[in-house]
Amino acid sequence: MNENSSTKLKNGDFCNVIGGTHQGKTGTVQDINLSKTGHITITVLQENGVRFKTLGKNVEVIKK
């Protein structure tokens, strides 16, 4: 996912993690932040209730 498409993330989107430590997991975007270094960070809530943080560039939005 490139930087332009990660700016289209919004709270409530269903996403699939395509890179990083949590690769292969899916969930709902909850919290979108811009870090001091300029990277987009998000919190993802999985269906089982577990939350994790990842970079916005590591996810793709799944259309339902």
PDB file of N, CA and C in Angstrom:
ATOM      1  N   MET A   1       0.849  -1.165   0.000  1.00  0.00           N
ATOM      2  CA  MET A   1       0.000   0.000   0.000  1.00  0.00           C
ATOM      3  C   MET A   1       0.894   1.226   0.000  1.00  0.00           C
ATOM      4  N   ASN A   2       0.634   2.169  -0.852  1.00  0.00           N
ATOM      5  CA  ASN A   2       1.468   3.359  -0.892  1.00  0.00           C
ATOM      6  C   ASN A   2       0.940   4.434   0.041  1.00  0.00           C
ATOM      7  N   GLU A   3       1.704   5.490   0.213  1.00  0.00           N
ATOM      8  CA  GLU A   3       1.363   6.548   1.173  1.00  0.00           C
ATOM      9  C   GLU A   3       0.036   7.231   0.834  1.00  0.00           C
ATOM     10  N   ASN A   4      -0.269   7.395  -0.454  1.00  0.00           N
ATOM     11  CA  ASN A   4      -1.505   8.062  -0.845  1.00  0.00           C
ATOM     12  C   ASN A   4      -2.740   7.278  -0.432  1.00  0.00           C
ATOM     13  N   SER A   5      -2.710   5.962  -0.567  1.00  0.00           N
ATOM     14  CA  SER A   5      -3.886   5.176  -0.238  1.00  0.00           C
ATOM     15  C   SER A   5      -4.035   4.990   1.271  1.00  0.00           C
ATOM     16  N   SER A   6      -2.936   5.114   2.039  1.00  0.00           N
ATOM     17  CA  SER A   6      -3.057   4.969   3.483  1.00  0.00           C
ATOM     18  C   SER A   6      -3.751   6.179   4.095  1.00  0.00           C
ATOM     19  N   THR A   7      -3.749   7.324   3.411  1.00  0.00           N
ATOM     20  CA  THR A   7      -4.441   8.494   3.926  1.00  0.00           C
ATOM     21  C   THR A   7      -5.953   8.333   3.779  1.00  0.00           C
ATOM     22  N   LYS A   8      -6.402   7.331   3.036  1.00  0.00           N
ATOM     23  CA  LYS A   8      -7.829   7.082   2.873  1.00  0.00           C
ATOM     24  C   LYS A   8      -8.388   6.249   4.022  1.00  0.00           C
ATOM     25  N   LEU A   9      -7.536   5.806   4.933  1.00  0.00           N
ATOM     26  CA  LEU A   9      -8.002   5.054   6.103  1.00  0.00           C
ATOM     27  C   LEU A   9      -8.886   5.934   6.961  1.00  0.00           C
ATOM     28  N   LYS A  10      -9.923   5.334   7.510  1.00  0.00           N
ATOM     29  CA  LYS A  10     -10.757   6.069   8.467  1.00  0.00           C
ATOM     30  C   LYS A  10     -11.255   5.093   9.530  1.00  0.00           C
ATOM     31  N   ASN A  11     -11.605   5.621  10.668  1.00  0.00           N
ATOM     32  CA  ASN A  11     -12.103   4.792  11.762  1.00  0.00           C
ATOM     33  C   ASN A  11     -13.303   3.981  11.295  1.00  0.00           C
ATOM     34  N   GLY A  12     -13.302   2.697  11.657  1.00  0.00           N
ATOM     35  CA  GLY A  12     -14.401   1.818  11.295  1.00  0.00           C
ATOM     36  C   GLY A  12     -14.155   1.000  10.048  1.00  0.00           C
ATOM     37  N   ASP A  13     -13.109   1.316   9.282  1.00  0.00           N
ATOM     38  CA  ASP A  13     -12.778   0.526   8.088  1.00  0.00           C
ATOM     39  C   ASP A  13     -12.325  -0.869   8.495  1.00  0.00           C
ATOM     40  N   PHE A  14     -12.694  -1.872   7.719  1.00  0.00           N
ATOM     41  CA  PHE A  14     -12.211  -3.233   7.932  1.00  0.00           C
ATOM     42  C   PHE A  14     -10.946  -3.378   7.111  1.00  0.00           C
ATOM     43  N   CYS A  15      -9.876  -3.873   7.713  1.00  0.00           N
ATOM     44  CA  CYS A  15      -8.601  -3.920   7.016  1.00  0.00           C
ATOM     45  C   CYS A  15      -7.906  -5.263   7.185  1.00  0.00           C
ATOM     46  N   ASN A  16      -6.969  -5.505   6.288  1.00  0.00           N
ATOM     47  CA  ASN A  16      -6.122  -6.693   6.298  1.00  0.00           C
ATOM     48  C   ASN A  16      -4.682  -6.203   6.407  1.00  0.00           C
ATOM     49  N   VAL A  17      -3.903  -6.767   7.341  1.00  0.00           N
ATOM     50  CA  VAL A  17      -2.514  -6.368   7.505  1.00  0.00           C
ATOM     51  C   VAL A  17      -1.679  -7.162   6.504  1.00  0.00           C
ATOM     52  N   ILE A  18      -0.954  -6.441   5.644  1.00  0.00           N
ATOM     53  CA  ILE A  18      -0.198  -7.079   4.568  1.00  0.00           C
ATOM     54  C   ILE A  18       1.305  -7.045   4.797  1.00  0.00           C
ATOM     55  N   GLY A  19       1.749  -6.454   5.912  1.00  0.00           N
ATOM     56  CA  GLY A  19       3.175  -6.384   6.193  1.00  0.00           C
ATOM     57  C   GLY A  19       3.437  -6.188   7.668  1.00  0.00           C
ATOM     58  N   GLY A  20       4.674  -6.408   8.078  1.00  0.00           N
ATOM     59  CA  GLY A  20       5.062  -6.187   9.457  1.00  0.00           C
ATOM     60  C   GLY A  20       4.803  -7.390  10.341  1.00  0.00           C
ATOM     61  N   THR A  21       4.886  -7.164  11.637  1.00  0.00           N
ATOM     62  CA  THR A  21       4.751  -8.223  12.642  1.00  0.00           C
ATOM     63  C   THR A  21       3.393  -8.899  12.615  1.00  0.00           C
ATOM     64  N   HIS A  22       2.340  -8.149  12.345  1.00  0.00           N
ATOM     65  CA  HIS A  22       0.974  -8.667  12.417  1.00  0.00           C
ATOM     66  C   HIS A  22       0.429  -9.097  11.058  1.00  0.00           C
ATOM     67  N   GLN A  23       1.300  -9.380  10.122  1.00  0.00           N
ATOM     68  CA  GLN A  23       0.906  -9.764   8.771  1.00  0.00           C
ATOM     69  C   GLN A  23      -0.091 -10.921   8.790  1.00  0.00           C
ATOM     70  N   GLY A  24      -1.164 -10.789   8.007  1.00  0.00           N
ATOM     71  CA  GLY A  24      -2.173 -11.834   7.902  1.00  0.00           C
ATOM     72  C   GLY A  24      -3.360 -11.640   8.814  1.00  0.00           C
ATOM     73  N   LYS A  25      -3.283 -10.710   9.753  1.00  0.00           N
ATOM     74  CA  LYS A  25      -4.401 -10.469  10.668  1.00  0.00           C
ATOM     75  C   LYS A  25      -5.362  -9.464  10.045  1.00  0.00           C
ATOM     76  N   THR A  26      -6.614  -9.530  10.477  1.00  0.00           N
ATOM     77  CA  THR A  26      -7.631  -8.601   9.994  1.00  0.00           C
ATOM     78  C   THR A  26      -8.339  -7.978  11.180  1.00  0.00           C
ATOM     79  N   GLY A  27      -8.988  -6.857  10.940  1.00  0.00           N
ATOM     80  CA  GLY A  27      -9.732  -6.206  12.008  1.00  0.00           C
ATOM     81  C   GLY A  27     -10.249  -4.848  11.574  1.00  0.00           C
ATOM     82  N   THR A  28     -10.745  -4.103  12.554  1.00  0.00           N
ATOM     83  CA  THR A  28     -11.349  -2.803  12.330  1.00  0.00           C
ATOM     84  C   THR A  28     -10.404  -1.703  12.785  1.00  0.00           C
ATOM     85  N   VAL A  29     -10.211  -0.696  11.945  1.00  0.00           N
ATOM     86  CA  VAL A  29      -9.370   0.449  12.296  1.00  0.00           C
ATOM     87  C   VAL A  29     -10.069   1.248  13.385  1.00  0.00           C
ATOM     88  N   GLN A  30      -9.327   1.550  14.465  1.00  0.00           N
ATOM     89  CA  GLN A  30      -9.927   2.297  15.567  1.00  0.00           C
ATOM     90  C   GLN A  30      -9.325   3.669  15.791  1.00  0.00           C
ATOM     91  N   ASP A  31      -8.025   3.779  15.735  1.00  0.00           N
ATOM     92  CA  ASP A  31      -7.361   5.012  16.131  1.00  0.00           C
ATOM     93  C   ASP A  31      -6.269   5.319  15.118  1.00  0.00           C
ATOM     94  N   ILE A  32      -6.346   6.483  14.500  1.00  0.00           N
ATOM     95  CA  ILE A  32      -5.357   6.876  13.498  1.00  0.00           C
ATOM     96  C   ILE A  32      -4.570   8.062  14.045  1.00  0.00           C
ATOM     97  N   ASN A  33      -3.241   7.931  14.041  1.00  0.00           N
ATOM     98  CA  ASN A  33      -2.368   8.991  14.532  1.00  0.00           C
ATOM     99  C   ASN A  33      -1.257   9.258  13.538  1.00  0.00           C
ATOM    100  N   LEU A  34      -0.692  10.460  13.631  1.00  0.00           N
ATOM    101  CA  LEU A  34       0.490  10.814  12.865  1.00  0.00           C
ATOM    102  C   LEU A  34       1.638  10.930  13.858  1.00  0.00           C
ATOM    103  N   SER A  35       2.657  10.089  13.702  1.00  0.00           N
ATOM    104  CA  SER A  35       3.772  10.079  14.643  1.00  0.00           C
ATOM    105  C   SER A  35       4.668  11.296  14.419  1.00  0.00           C
ATOM    106  N   LYS A  36       5.585  11.511  15.363  1.00  0.00           N
ATOM    107  CA  LYS A  36       6.535  12.616  15.252  1.00  0.00           C
ATOM    108  C   LYS A  36       7.393  12.497  13.999  1.00  0.00           C
ATOM    109  N   THR A  37       7.647  11.283  13.572  1.00  0.00           N
ATOM    110  CA  THR A  37       8.485  11.057  12.395  1.00  0.00           C
ATOM    111  C   THR A  37       7.702  11.154  11.088  1.00  0.00           C
ATOM    112  N   GLY A  38       6.392  11.377  11.175  1.00  0.00           N
ATOM    113  CA  GLY A  38       5.569  11.558   9.988  1.00  0.00           C
ATOM    114  C   GLY A  38       4.886  10.316   9.468  1.00  0.00           C
ATOM    115  N   HIS A  39       4.969   9.208  10.196  1.00  0.00           N
ATOM    116  CA  HIS A  39       4.318   7.969   9.774  1.00  0.00           C
ATOM    117  C   HIS A  39       2.920   7.868  10.370  1.00  0.00           C
ATOM    118  N   ILE A  40       2.011   7.277   9.611  1.00  0.00           N
ATOM    119  CA  ILE A  40       0.649   7.054  10.096  1.00  0.00           C
ATOM    120  C   ILE A  40       0.634   5.762  10.895  1.00  0.00           C
ATOM    121  N   THR A  41       0.147   5.836  12.132  1.00  0.00           N
ATOM    122  CA  THR A  41       0.012   4.641  12.968  1.00  0.00           C
ATOM    123  C   THR A  41      -1.464   4.429  13.268  1.00  0.00           C
ATOM    124  N   ILE A  42      -1.866   3.162  13.338  1.00  0.00           N
ATOM    125  CA  ILE A  42      -3.267   2.848  13.606  1.00  0.00           C
ATOM    126  C   ILE A  42      -3.360   1.754  14.665  1.00  0.00           C
ATOM    127  N   THR A  43      -4.498   1.714  15.333  1.00  0.00           N
ATOM    128  CA  THR A  43      -4.831   0.613  16.227  1.00  0.00           C
ATOM    129  C   THR A  43      -5.879  -0.220  15.516  1.00  0.00           C
ATOM    130  N   VAL A  44      -5.666  -1.533  15.497  1.00  0.00           N
ATOM    131  CA  VAL A  44      -6.593  -2.454  14.839  1.00  0.00           C
ATOM    132  C   VAL A  44      -7.238  -3.329  15.912  1.00  0.00           C
ATOM    133  N   LEU A  45      -8.563  -3.420  15.886  1.00  0.00           N
ATOM    134  CA  LEU A  45      -9.323  -4.272  16.796  1.00  0.00           C
ATOM    135  C   LEU A  45      -9.748  -5.515  16.038  1.00  0.00           C
ATOM    136  N   GLN A  46      -9.241  -6.673  16.472  1.00  0.00           N
ATOM    137  CA  GLN A  46      -9.614  -7.942  15.846  1.00  0.00           C
ATOM    138  C   GLN A  46     -10.994  -8.372  16.342  1.00  0.00           C
ATOM    139  N   GLU A  47     -11.614  -9.305  15.654  1.00  0.00           N
ATOM    140  CA  GLU A  47     -12.944  -9.783  16.027  1.00  0.00           C
ATOM    141  C   GLU A  47     -12.955 -10.461  17.388  1.00  0.00           C
ATOM    142  N   ASN A  48     -11.807 -11.018  17.821  1.00  0.00           N
ATOM    143  CA  ASN A  48     -11.743 -11.676  19.134  1.00  0.00           C
ATOM    144  C   ASN A  48     -11.491 -10.691  20.269  1.00  0.00           C
ATOM    145  N   GLY A  49     -11.427  -9.388  19.975  1.00  0.00           N
ATOM    146  CA  GLY A  49     -11.280  -8.367  20.999  1.00  0.00           C
ATOM    147  C   GLY A  49      -9.852  -7.913  21.256  1.00  0.00           C
ATOM    148  N   VAL A  50      -8.888  -8.541  20.622  1.00  0.00           N
ATOM    149  CA  VAL A  50      -7.481  -8.180  20.814  1.00  0.00           C
ATOM    150  C   VAL A  50      -7.145  -6.982  19.940  1.00  0.00           C
ATOM    151  N   ARG A  51      -6.433  -6.002  20.528  1.00  0.00           N
ATOM    152  CA  ARG A  51      -6.001  -4.817  19.791  1.00  0.00           C
ATOM    153  C   ARG A  51      -4.502  -4.878  19.558  1.00  0.00           C
ATOM    154  N   PHE A  52      -4.059  -4.292  18.449  1.00  0.00           N
ATOM    155  CA  PHE A  52      -2.637  -4.129  18.205  1.00  0.00           C
ATOM    156  C   PHE A  52      -2.426  -2.879  17.377  1.00  0.00           C
ATOM    157  N   LYS A  53      -1.218  -2.343  17.467  1.00  0.00           N
ATOM    158  CA  LYS A  53      -0.862  -1.147  16.706  1.00  0.00           C
ATOM    159  C   LYS A  53       0.033  -1.551  15.546  1.00  0.00           C
ATOM    160  N   THR A  54      -0.117  -0.838  14.434  1.00  0.00           N
ATOM    161  CA  THR A  54       0.705  -1.085  13.259  1.00  0.00           C
ATOM    162  C   THR A  54       0.791   0.199  12.449  1.00  0.00           C
ATOM    163  N   LEU A  55       1.635   0.205  11.470  1.00  0.00           N
ATOM    164  CA  LEU A  55       1.763   1.357  10.584  1.00  0.00           C
ATOM    165  C   LEU A  55       0.687   1.318   9.506  1.00  0.00           C
ATOM    166  N   GLY A  56       0.216   2.485   9.118  1.00  0.00           N
ATOM    167  CA  GLY A  56      -0.804   2.578   8.085  1.00  0.00           C
ATOM    168  C   GLY A  56      -0.362   2.003   6.757  1.00  0.00           C
ATOM    169  N   LYS A  57       0.942   2.052   6.469  1.00  0.00           N
ATOM    170  CA  LYS A  57       1.425   1.525   5.198  1.00  0.00           C
ATOM    171  C   LYS A  57       1.363   0.000   5.149  1.00  0.00           C
ATOM    172  N   ASN A  58       1.175  -0.652   6.306  1.00  0.00           N
ATOM    173  CA  ASN A  58       1.141  -2.107   6.367  1.00  0.00           C
ATOM    174  C   ASN A  58      -0.256  -2.687   6.204  1.00  0.00           C
ATOM    175  N   VAL A  59      -1.259  -1.862   5.967  1.00  0.00           N
ATOM    176  CA  VAL A  59      -2.627  -2.371   5.859  1.00  0.00           C
ATOM    177  C   VAL A  59      -3.275  -1.988   4.540  1.00  0.00           C
ATOM    178  N   GLU A  60      -4.264  -2.791   4.163  1.00  0.00           N
ATOM    179  CA  GLU A  60      -5.103  -2.459   3.021  1.00  0.00           C
ATOM    180  C   GLU A  60      -6.555  -2.563   3.469  1.00  0.00           C
ATOM    181  N   VAL A  61      -7.376  -1.648   2.995  1.00  0.00           N
ATOM    182  CA  VAL A  61      -8.790  -1.628   3.351  1.00  0.00           C
ATOM    183  C   VAL A  61      -9.507  -2.699   2.553  1.00  0.00           C
ATOM    184  N   ILE A  62     -10.365  -3.464   3.239  1.00  0.00           N
ATOM    185  CA  ILE A  62     -11.169  -4.495   2.592  1.00  0.00           C
ATOM    186  C   ILE A  62     -12.579  -3.953   2.440  1.00  0.00           C
ATOM    187  N   LYS A  63     -13.050  -3.927   1.204  1.00  0.00           N
ATOM    188  CA  LYS A  63     -14.414  -3.451   0.966  1.00  0.00           C
ATOM    189  C   LYS A  63     -15.384  -4.564   1.236  1.00  0.00           C
ATOM    190  N   LYS A  64     -16.430  -4.265   1.964  1.00  0.00           N
ATOM    191  CA  LYS A  64     -17.431  -5.279   2.313  1.00  0.00           C
ATOM    192  C   LYS A  64     -18.565  -5.264   1.336  1.00  0.00           C
TER     193      LYS A  64
END
